[in-house]
Amino acid sequence: MRVNVDGRTLSISNLDKELYPDGTTKGEIIDYYTRVAPYLLPHLQGREVTRKRFPHNAGDEGWFEKNPPSGVPRWVETSPDGLVMCPDLSTLVYLANLAALELHTPQWKVGKQPDRLVFDLDPGEPAGLDECRAVALVLRDRLAEEGLEAFAKTSGKKGMQVSCLAPKVKQSTSDYAKAIATEFAKAAPDLIVDQMEKRLRPGKVFIDWSQNNPYKTTICVYSLRAGYRPTVSAPLTWDEVTDGAFTAEDFTLHTMLERVEELGDLHEGLLT
């Protein structure tokens, strides 16, 4: 099937193919990305996009892809390093047709210094979202002491992320984030860990500061996540974080569009 998207002709196929175990089809995925594009694309602008593709089923392992895929159209924009970028709807639809369900981005734009700082909150069982929420709220207050406004979202899976605009500090943003993670781990060692060893994580929240490092990426807001259902990395209000009346499964491609129409882009502050 050939379609025209912003003046470019794309071939899309297998729209009825079920790409999620719950029956969600490729057609529904393309429709979601098309309709959420006004909110998603500004967060992709100027950034290389690492995709995680699941051409058979989102319940499979899938694989990460940074370089242009085979047969990529000439109009797909790439960075000076030859990596794919996604500045427009036609590219977004093209990637969705390739079953690039997950879109991951770095904390900086091509050729620029980091403009964002992110803390990835990864709970080790039996810890879960409740523990992540508690850490996120204290992180918000800690960043506010530095004059930084924090923005929270679900990871689309078991954890959360807290982001802010990159602070103007002498050390790297990675070192800055690591220092705060270490501060928190020392203050609450029974709840928080700042080291990557998995043996240290059970029952605690790992504050992953490393996603601020060069060549690291984080799931983009509004991106789908693989799994049984098409969950979304969903922006949250701080009232929602405080109340805690949500799970990752509450935010899917079936519910997100109505949510953004009502609330707009809750992460718009990260675009300035």
C-alpha atoms as a PDB file:
ATOM      1  CA  MET A   1       0.000   0.000   0.000  1.00  0.00           C
ATOM      2  CA  ARG A   2       1.397   3.413  -0.976  1.00  0.00           C
ATOM      3  CA  VAL A   3       0.526   6.527   0.992  1.00  0.00           C
ATOM      4  CA  ASN A   4       1.477  10.189   0.774  1.00  0.00           C
ATOM      5  CA  VAL A   5       2.873  11.695   3.968  1.00  0.00           C
ATOM      6  CA  ASP A   6       3.867  15.350   3.835  1.00  0.00           C
ATOM      7  CA  GLY A   7       4.535  15.115   0.104  1.00  0.00           C
ATOM      8  CA  ARG A   8       6.567  11.924   0.293  1.00  0.00           C
ATOM      9  CA  THR A   9       5.337   8.584  -1.002  1.00  0.00           C
ATOM     10  CA  LEU A  10       5.788   5.683   1.419  1.00  0.00           C
ATOM     11  CA  SER A  11       5.093   1.996   1.017  1.00  0.00           C
ATOM     12  CA  ILE A  12       3.466   0.507   4.088  1.00  0.00           C
ATOM     13  CA  SER A  13       2.505  -3.132   4.451  1.00  0.00           C
ATOM     14  CA  ASN A  14       0.927  -5.779   6.668  1.00  0.00           C
ATOM     15  CA  LEU A  15      -1.304  -3.326   8.503  1.00  0.00           C
ATOM     16  CA  ASP A  16      -3.356  -6.188   9.947  1.00  0.00           C
ATOM     17  CA  LYS A  17      -0.305  -7.972  11.349  1.00  0.00           C
ATOM     18  CA  GLU A  18      -0.516  -8.339  15.120  1.00  0.00           C
ATOM     19  CA  LEU A  19       2.705  -6.942  16.558  1.00  0.00           C
ATOM     20  CA  TYR A  20       1.736  -7.219  20.227  1.00  0.00           C
ATOM     21  CA  PRO A  21       0.596 -10.398  21.968  1.00  0.00           C
ATOM     22  CA  ASP A  22      -2.618  -8.603  22.980  1.00  0.00           C
ATOM     23  CA  GLY A  23      -3.556  -8.277  19.303  1.00  0.00           C
ATOM     24  CA  THR A  24      -2.493  -4.691  18.623  1.00  0.00           C
ATOM     25  CA  THR A  25      -1.745  -4.405  14.918  1.00  0.00           C
ATOM     26  CA  LYS A  26       0.865  -2.574  12.892  1.00  0.00           C
ATOM     27  CA  GLY A  27      -1.911  -0.374  11.514  1.00  0.00           C
ATOM     28  CA  GLU A  28      -2.828   0.728  15.043  1.00  0.00           C
ATOM     29  CA  ILE A  29       0.836   1.445  15.794  1.00  0.00           C
ATOM     30  CA  ILE A  30       1.259   3.603  12.690  1.00  0.00           C
ATOM     31  CA  ASP A  31      -2.004   5.382  13.512  1.00  0.00           C
ATOM     32  CA  TYR A  32      -0.798   6.089  17.060  1.00  0.00           C
ATOM     33  CA  TYR A  33       2.541   7.507  15.974  1.00  0.00           C
ATOM     34  CA  THR A  34       0.833   9.602  13.290  1.00  0.00           C
ATOM     35  CA  ARG A  35      -1.612  11.123  15.755  1.00  0.00           C
ATOM     36  CA  VAL A  36       0.824  11.628  18.637  1.00  0.00           C
ATOM     37  CA  ALA A  37       3.438  13.159  16.292  1.00  0.00           C
ATOM     38  CA  PRO A  38       2.667  16.821  17.203  1.00  0.00           C
ATOM     39  CA  TYR A  39       3.696  16.029  20.789  1.00  0.00           C
ATOM     40  CA  LEU A  40       6.453  13.502  20.076  1.00  0.00           C
ATOM     41  CA  LEU A  41       8.366  15.079  17.180  1.00  0.00           C
ATOM     42  CA  PRO A  42       9.519  18.179  19.097  1.00  0.00           C
ATOM     43  CA  HIS A  43      11.324  15.832  21.525  1.00  0.00           C
ATOM     44  CA  LEU A  44      13.070  14.094  18.612  1.00  0.00           C
ATOM     45  CA  GLN A  45      14.144  17.268  16.819  1.00  0.00           C
ATOM     46  CA  GLY A  46      17.896  17.535  16.362  1.00  0.00           C
ATOM     47  CA  ARG A  47      18.615  14.209  18.074  1.00  0.00           C
ATOM     48  CA  GLU A  48      19.840  10.902  16.744  1.00  0.00           C
ATOM     49  CA  VAL A  49      17.211   8.206  17.243  1.00  0.00           C
ATOM     50  CA  THR A  50      18.084   4.684  18.269  1.00  0.00           C
ATOM     51  CA  ARG A  51      15.253   2.332  17.415  1.00  0.00           C
ATOM     52  CA  LYS A  52      14.342  -1.001  18.954  1.00  0.00           C
ATOM     53  CA  ARG A  53      12.659  -3.081  16.287  1.00  0.00           C
ATOM     54  CA  PHE A  54      10.249  -5.976  16.685  1.00  0.00           C
ATOM     55  CA  PRO A  55       9.288  -7.076  13.157  1.00  0.00           C
ATOM     56  CA  HIS A  56       7.714 -10.333  14.331  1.00  0.00           C
ATOM     57  CA  ASN A  57       6.187  -9.596  17.732  1.00  0.00           C
ATOM     58  CA  ALA A  58       6.734  -7.225  20.648  1.00  0.00           C
ATOM     59  CA  GLY A  59       6.889 -10.243  22.909  1.00  0.00           C
ATOM     60  CA  ASP A  60      10.176 -11.254  21.250  1.00  0.00           C
ATOM     61  CA  GLU A  61      13.645  -9.951  22.060  1.00  0.00           C
ATOM     62  CA  GLY A  62      13.872  -7.436  19.218  1.00  0.00           C
ATOM     63  CA  TRP A  63      17.091  -5.568  18.473  1.00  0.00           C
ATOM     64  CA  PHE A  64      18.554  -2.071  18.694  1.00  0.00           C
ATOM     65  CA  GLU A  65      19.371  -0.226  15.499  1.00  0.00           C
ATOM     66  CA  LYS A  66      21.345   3.013  15.242  1.00  0.00           C
ATOM     67  CA  ASN A  67      22.443   3.021  11.618  1.00  0.00           C
ATOM     68  CA  PRO A  68      20.097   3.528   8.661  1.00  0.00           C
ATOM     69  CA  PRO A  69      18.236   0.323   7.783  1.00  0.00           C
ATOM     70  CA  SER A  70      18.719  -1.425   4.481  1.00  0.00           C
ATOM     71  CA  GLY A  71      16.953   0.347   1.608  1.00  0.00           C
ATOM     72  CA  VAL A  72      16.447   3.580   3.556  1.00  0.00           C
ATOM     73  CA  PRO A  73      14.998   6.382   1.381  1.00  0.00           C
ATOM     74  CA  ARG A  74      17.400   9.147   0.472  1.00  0.00           C
ATOM     75  CA  TRP A  75      15.226  11.727   2.160  1.00  0.00           C
ATOM     76  CA  VAL A  76      15.668  10.186   5.634  1.00  0.00           C
ATOM     77  CA  GLU A  77      17.897  12.619   7.520  1.00  0.00           C
ATOM     78  CA  THR A  78      21.103  11.359   9.127  1.00  0.00           C
ATOM     79  CA  SER A  79      23.590  12.981  11.489  1.00  0.00           C
ATOM     80  CA  PRO A  80      27.238  13.687  10.596  1.00  0.00           C
ATOM     81  CA  ASP A  81      27.979  10.304  12.218  1.00  0.00           C
ATOM     82  CA  GLY A  82      25.586   8.643   9.779  1.00  0.00           C
ATOM     83  CA  LEU A  83      22.906   7.838  12.358  1.00  0.00           C
ATOM     84  CA  VAL A  84      19.180   8.203  11.711  1.00  0.00           C
ATOM     85  CA  MET A  85      17.281  11.282  12.836  1.00  0.00           C
ATOM     86  CA  CYS A  86      13.518  11.758  12.874  1.00  0.00           C
ATOM     87  CA  PRO A  87      12.549  15.393  12.338  1.00  0.00           C
ATOM     88  CA  ASP A  88       9.233  14.881  10.543  1.00  0.00           C
ATOM     89  CA  LEU A  89       6.080  12.806  10.233  1.00  0.00           C
ATOM     90  CA  SER A  90       7.132  10.991   7.072  1.00  0.00           C
ATOM     91  CA  THR A  91      10.233   9.606   8.804  1.00  0.00           C
ATOM     92  CA  LEU A  92       8.200   8.657  11.863  1.00  0.00           C
ATOM     93  CA  VAL A  93       5.697   6.718   9.732  1.00  0.00           C
ATOM     94  CA  TYR A  94       8.563   5.092   7.818  1.00  0.00           C
ATOM     95  CA  LEU A  95      10.137   3.876  11.070  1.00  0.00           C
ATOM     96  CA  ALA A  96       6.797   2.693  12.464  1.00  0.00           C
ATOM     97  CA  ASN A  97       6.237   0.638   9.312  1.00  0.00           C
ATOM     98  CA  LEU A  98       9.561  -1.086  10.057  1.00  0.00           C
ATOM     99  CA  ALA A  99       8.161  -2.071  13.474  1.00  0.00           C
ATOM    100  CA  ALA A 100      10.550   0.323  15.208  1.00  0.00           C
ATOM    101  CA  LEU A 101       8.298   0.310  18.245  1.00  0.00           C
ATOM    102  CA  GLU A 102      10.707   1.938  20.704  1.00  0.00           C
ATOM    103  CA  LEU A 103      12.450   5.276  20.092  1.00  0.00           C
ATOM    104  CA  HIS A 104      15.462   6.106  22.277  1.00  0.00           C
ATOM    105  CA  THR A 105      17.299   9.450  22.280  1.00  0.00           C
ATOM    106  CA  PRO A 106      20.426  10.946  23.893  1.00  0.00           C
ATOM    107  CA  GLN A 107      20.327  13.916  26.242  1.00  0.00           C
ATOM    108  CA  TRP A 108      21.783  16.287  23.652  1.00  0.00           C
ATOM    109  CA  LYS A 109      21.213  17.445  20.112  1.00  0.00           C
ATOM    110  CA  VAL A 110      23.686  16.699  17.341  1.00  0.00           C
ATOM    111  CA  GLY A 111      26.757  18.898  17.646  1.00  0.00           C
ATOM    112  CA  LYS A 112      25.567  20.433  20.920  1.00  0.00           C
ATOM    113  CA  GLN A 113      26.319  20.132  24.601  1.00  0.00           C
ATOM    114  CA  PRO A 114      23.817  18.168  26.740  1.00  0.00           C
ATOM    115  CA  ASP A 115      20.611  20.142  27.149  1.00  0.00           C
ATOM    116  CA  ARG A 116      18.855  17.646  29.415  1.00  0.00           C
ATOM    117  CA  LEU A 117      19.623  15.693  32.554  1.00  0.00           C
ATOM    118  CA  VAL A 118      17.870  12.409  33.319  1.00  0.00           C
ATOM    119  CA  PHE A 119      17.642  10.099  36.306  1.00  0.00           C
ATOM    120  CA  ASP A 120      16.383   6.636  35.393  1.00  0.00           C
ATOM    121  CA  LEU A 121      14.686   5.018  38.387  1.00  0.00           C
ATOM    122  CA  ASP A 122      14.934   1.240  38.092  1.00  0.00           C
ATOM    123  CA  PRO A 123      13.321  -0.764  40.911  1.00  0.00           C
ATOM    124  CA  GLY A 124      14.694  -4.126  41.981  1.00  0.00           C
ATOM    125  CA  GLU A 125      11.967  -6.544  43.026  1.00  0.00           C
ATOM    126  CA  PRO A 126      10.078  -6.535  45.281  1.00  0.00           C
ATOM    127  CA  ALA A 127      10.389  -2.741  44.961  1.00  0.00           C
ATOM    128  CA  GLY A 128       8.193  -1.225  42.266  1.00  0.00           C
ATOM    129  CA  LEU A 129       6.494   1.960  41.154  1.00  0.00           C
ATOM    130  CA  ASP A 130       5.603   3.060  44.692  1.00  0.00           C
ATOM    131  CA  GLU A 131       9.269   3.154  45.655  1.00  0.00           C
ATOM    132  CA  CYS A 132      10.112   4.929  42.396  1.00  0.00           C
ATOM    133  CA  ARG A 133       7.463   7.544  43.112  1.00  0.00           C
ATOM    134  CA  ALA A 134       8.948   8.220  46.555  1.00  0.00           C
ATOM    135  CA  VAL A 135      12.411   8.722  45.064  1.00  0.00           C
ATOM    136  CA  ALA A 136      11.046  10.842  42.213  1.00  0.00           C
ATOM    137  CA  LEU A 137       9.356  13.251  44.612  1.00  0.00           C
ATOM    138  CA  VAL A 138      12.526  13.771  46.635  1.00  0.00           C
ATOM    139  CA  LEU A 139      14.524  14.188  43.433  1.00  0.00           C
ATOM    140  CA  ARG A 140      12.065  16.863  42.342  1.00  0.00           C
ATOM    141  CA  ASP A 141      12.614  18.757  45.589  1.00  0.00           C
ATOM    142  CA  ARG A 142      16.391  18.310  45.427  1.00  0.00           C
ATOM    143  CA  LEU A 143      16.534  19.693  41.887  1.00  0.00           C
ATOM    144  CA  ALA A 144      14.268  22.571  42.892  1.00  0.00           C
ATOM    145  CA  GLU A 145      16.946  23.601  45.409  1.00  0.00           C
ATOM    146  CA  GLU A 146      19.213  24.112  42.393  1.00  0.00           C
ATOM    147  CA  GLY A 147      16.547  26.134  40.589  1.00  0.00           C
ATOM    148  CA  LEU A 148      15.721  23.248  38.231  1.00  0.00           C
ATOM    149  CA  GLU A 149      12.184  22.214  37.298  1.00  0.00           C
ATOM    150  CA  ALA A 150      11.772  18.446  37.186  1.00  0.00           C
ATOM    151  CA  PHE A 151       9.526  16.444  34.862  1.00  0.00           C
ATOM    152  CA  ALA A 152       8.414  12.877  35.568  1.00  0.00           C
ATOM    153  CA  LYS A 153       7.283  10.062  33.303  1.00  0.00           C
ATOM    154  CA  THR A 154       6.804   6.352  33.364  1.00  0.00           C
ATOM    155  CA  SER A 155       9.402   4.250  31.597  1.00  0.00           C
ATOM    156  CA  GLY A 156       6.542   2.308  30.033  1.00  0.00           C
ATOM    157  CA  LYS A 157       7.698  -0.708  32.010  1.00  0.00           C
ATOM    158  CA  LYS A 158       8.432  -1.085  35.722  1.00  0.00           C
ATOM    159  CA  GLY A 159      10.269   2.158  36.427  1.00  0.00           C
ATOM    160  CA  MET A 160      10.214   5.927  35.973  1.00  0.00           C
ATOM    161  CA  GLN A 161      12.421   8.743  34.749  1.00  0.00           C
ATOM    162  CA  VAL A 162      12.883  12.217  36.170  1.00  0.00           C
ATOM    163  CA  SER A 163      14.333  14.826  33.795  1.00  0.00           C
ATOM    164  CA  CYS A 164      15.223  18.497  33.864  1.00  0.00           C
ATOM    165  CA  LEU A 165      17.021  20.989  31.694  1.00  0.00           C
ATOM    166  CA  ALA A 166      20.783  20.545  31.977  1.00  0.00           C
ATOM    167  CA  PRO A 167      22.185  22.635  34.834  1.00  0.00           C
ATOM    168  CA  LYS A 168      24.904  25.184  34.191  1.00  0.00           C
ATOM    169  CA  VAL A 169      27.686  23.616  36.218  1.00  0.00           C
ATOM    170  CA  LYS A 170      31.428  23.196  35.807  1.00  0.00           C
ATOM    171  CA  GLN A 171      31.414  19.396  35.861  1.00  0.00           C
ATOM    172  CA  SER A 172      29.794  17.235  33.207  1.00  0.00           C
ATOM    173  CA  THR A 173      26.086  16.495  33.497  1.00  0.00           C
ATOM    174  CA  SER A 174      27.022  12.847  34.014  1.00  0.00           C
ATOM    175  CA  ASP A 175      29.213  13.720  37.008  1.00  0.00           C
ATOM    176  CA  TYR A 176      26.525  16.043  38.325  1.00  0.00           C
ATOM    177  CA  ALA A 177      23.885  13.311  38.131  1.00  0.00           C
ATOM    178  CA  LYS A 178      26.235  10.768  39.687  1.00  0.00           C
ATOM    179  CA  ALA A 179      26.936  13.077  42.628  1.00  0.00           C
ATOM    180  CA  ILE A 180      23.221  13.458  43.361  1.00  0.00           C
ATOM    181  CA  ALA A 181      22.627   9.707  43.022  1.00  0.00           C
ATOM    182  CA  THR A 182      25.480   9.032  45.452  1.00  0.00           C
ATOM    183  CA  GLU A 183      24.100  11.646  47.856  1.00  0.00           C
ATOM    184  CA  PHE A 184      20.717   9.909  47.816  1.00  0.00           C
ATOM    185  CA  ALA A 185      22.197   6.423  48.231  1.00  0.00           C
ATOM    186  CA  LYS A 186      24.138   7.538  51.305  1.00  0.00           C
ATOM    187  CA  ALA A 187      21.099   9.276  52.786  1.00  0.00           C
ATOM    188  CA  ALA A 188      18.699   6.324  52.251  1.00  0.00           C
ATOM    189  CA  PRO A 189      20.781   3.130  51.820  1.00  0.00           C
ATOM    190  CA  ASP A 190      17.798   0.893  52.576  1.00  0.00           C
ATOM    191  CA  LEU A 191      15.841   2.349  49.646  1.00  0.00           C
ATOM    192  CA  ILE A 192      18.324   3.666  47.092  1.00  0.00           C
ATOM    193  CA  VAL A 193      21.409   2.335  45.349  1.00  0.00           C
ATOM    194  CA  ASP A 194      23.655   4.234  42.949  1.00  0.00           C
ATOM    195  CA  GLN A 195      25.724   1.300  41.695  1.00  0.00           C
ATOM    196  CA  MET A 196      24.923  -0.889  38.721  1.00  0.00           C
ATOM    197  CA  GLU A 197      25.614  -4.318  40.220  1.00  0.00           C
ATOM    198  CA  LYS A 198      22.335  -6.210  40.132  1.00  0.00           C
ATOM    199  CA  ARG A 199      23.168  -8.045  43.354  1.00  0.00           C
ATOM    200  CA  LEU A 200      22.780  -4.711  45.167  1.00  0.00           C
ATOM    201  CA  ARG A 201      19.348  -3.868  43.774  1.00  0.00           C
ATOM    202  CA  PRO A 202      16.729  -6.234  45.292  1.00  0.00           C
ATOM    203  CA  GLY A 203      14.163  -4.203  47.206  1.00  0.00           C
ATOM    204  CA  LYS A 204      15.792  -0.899  46.243  1.00  0.00           C
ATOM    205  CA  VAL A 205      15.574   1.753  43.546  1.00  0.00           C
ATOM    206  CA  PHE A 206      18.657   2.092  41.389  1.00  0.00           C
ATOM    207  CA  ILE A 207      19.179   5.727  40.370  1.00  0.00           C
ATOM    208  CA  ASP A 208      20.799   5.212  37.002  1.00  0.00           C
ATOM    209  CA  TRP A 209      22.803   8.370  36.352  1.00  0.00           C
ATOM    210  CA  SER A 210      24.793   6.785  33.509  1.00  0.00           C
ATOM    211  CA  GLN A 211      22.235   7.627  30.824  1.00  0.00           C
ATOM    212  CA  ASN A 212      23.762  11.096  30.774  1.00  0.00           C
ATOM    213  CA  ASN A 213      26.998   9.618  29.420  1.00  0.00           C
ATOM    214  CA  PRO A 214      28.004   9.984  25.766  1.00  0.00           C
ATOM    215  CA  TYR A 215      26.490   7.303  23.532  1.00  0.00           C
ATOM    216  CA  LYS A 216      23.802   6.408  26.093  1.00  0.00           C
ATOM    217  CA  THR A 217      20.137   6.862  25.244  1.00  0.00           C
ATOM    218  CA  THR A 218      16.832   6.903  27.120  1.00  0.00           C
ATOM    219  CA  ILE A 219      13.361   5.925  25.969  1.00  0.00           C
ATOM    220  CA  CYS A 220      11.713   9.030  24.517  1.00  0.00           C
ATOM    221  CA  VAL A 221       8.539  10.421  25.990  1.00  0.00           C
ATOM    222  CA  TYR A 222       5.440   9.140  24.107  1.00  0.00           C
ATOM    223  CA  SER A 223       7.397   6.199  22.694  1.00  0.00           C
ATOM    224  CA  LEU A 224       5.807   2.776  22.739  1.00  0.00           C
ATOM    225  CA  ARG A 225       7.436  -0.024  24.740  1.00  0.00           C
ATOM    226  CA  ALA A 226       7.592  -3.666  23.820  1.00  0.00           C
ATOM    227  CA  GLY A 227       5.852  -6.280  25.933  1.00  0.00           C
ATOM    228  CA  TYR A 228       2.457  -7.932  26.119  1.00  0.00           C
ATOM    229  CA  ARG A 229       0.557  -4.659  25.686  1.00  0.00           C
ATOM    230  CA  PRO A 230       1.505  -1.429  23.824  1.00  0.00           C
ATOM    231  CA  THR A 231       2.407   0.638  26.875  1.00  0.00           C
ATOM    232  CA  VAL A 232       3.779   4.159  26.444  1.00  0.00           C
ATOM    233  CA  SER A 233       6.477   6.118  28.242  1.00  0.00           C
ATOM    234  CA  ALA A 234       3.946   8.590  29.585  1.00  0.00           C
ATOM    235  CA  PRO A 235       4.525  12.052  31.081  1.00  0.00           C
ATOM    236  CA  LEU A 236       2.988  12.513  34.509  1.00  0.00           C
ATOM    237  CA  THR A 237       1.784  15.429  36.584  1.00  0.00           C
ATOM    238  CA  TRP A 238       3.364  15.695  40.010  1.00  0.00           C
ATOM    239  CA  ASP A 239      -0.098  15.316  41.545  1.00  0.00           C
ATOM    240  CA  GLU A 240      -0.308  11.921  39.829  1.00  0.00           C
ATOM    241  CA  VAL A 241       3.121  10.979  41.151  1.00  0.00           C
ATOM    242  CA  THR A 242       2.036  11.972  44.650  1.00  0.00           C
ATOM    243  CA  ASP A 243      -1.269  10.095  44.478  1.00  0.00           C
ATOM    244  CA  GLY A 244       0.236   6.983  42.930  1.00  0.00           C
ATOM    245  CA  ALA A 245      -3.065   5.787  41.471  1.00  0.00           C
ATOM    246  CA  PHE A 246      -1.510   4.496  38.245  1.00  0.00           C
ATOM    247  CA  THR A 247       0.391   1.606  36.765  1.00  0.00           C
ATOM    248  CA  ALA A 248       2.455   1.442  33.592  1.00  0.00           C
ATOM    249  CA  GLU A 249      -0.389  -0.481  31.965  1.00  0.00           C
ATOM    250  CA  ASP A 250      -2.722   2.495  32.389  1.00  0.00           C
ATOM    251  CA  PHE A 251      -0.853   4.341  29.627  1.00  0.00           C
ATOM    252  CA  THR A 252      -1.139   2.660  26.239  1.00  0.00           C
ATOM    253  CA  LEU A 253      -1.574   3.763  22.649  1.00  0.00           C
ATOM    254  CA  HIS A 254      -5.294   3.243  23.244  1.00  0.00           C
ATOM    255  CA  THR A 255      -5.420   5.793  26.103  1.00  0.00           C
ATOM    256  CA  MET A 256      -2.564   8.214  25.402  1.00  0.00           C
ATOM    257  CA  LEU A 257      -4.160  10.154  22.557  1.00  0.00           C
ATOM    258  CA  GLU A 258      -7.146  11.220  24.628  1.00  0.00           C
ATOM    259  CA  ARG A 259      -4.754  12.106  27.454  1.00  0.00           C
ATOM    260  CA  VAL A 260      -2.577  14.439  25.371  1.00  0.00           C
ATOM    261  CA  GLU A 261      -5.646  16.099  23.886  1.00  0.00           C
ATOM    262  CA  GLU A 262      -6.781  16.874  27.432  1.00  0.00           C
ATOM    263  CA  LEU A 263      -3.450  17.717  29.087  1.00  0.00           C
ATOM    264  CA  GLY A 264      -1.214  18.759  26.193  1.00  0.00           C
ATOM    265  CA  ASP A 265       2.499  18.024  26.393  1.00  0.00           C
ATOM    266  CA  LEU A 266       3.402  17.802  30.074  1.00  0.00           C
ATOM    267  CA  HIS A 267       7.095  17.762  29.084  1.00  0.00           C
ATOM    268  CA  GLU A 268       6.922  20.918  26.983  1.00  0.00           C
ATOM    269  CA  GLY A 269       9.150  22.639  29.525  1.00  0.00           C
ATOM    270  CA  LEU A 270      12.030  20.426  28.425  1.00  0.00           C
ATOM    271  CA  LEU A 271      11.923  21.912  24.921  1.00  0.00           C
ATOM    272  CA  THR A 272      13.070  25.401  25.871  1.00  0.00           C
END
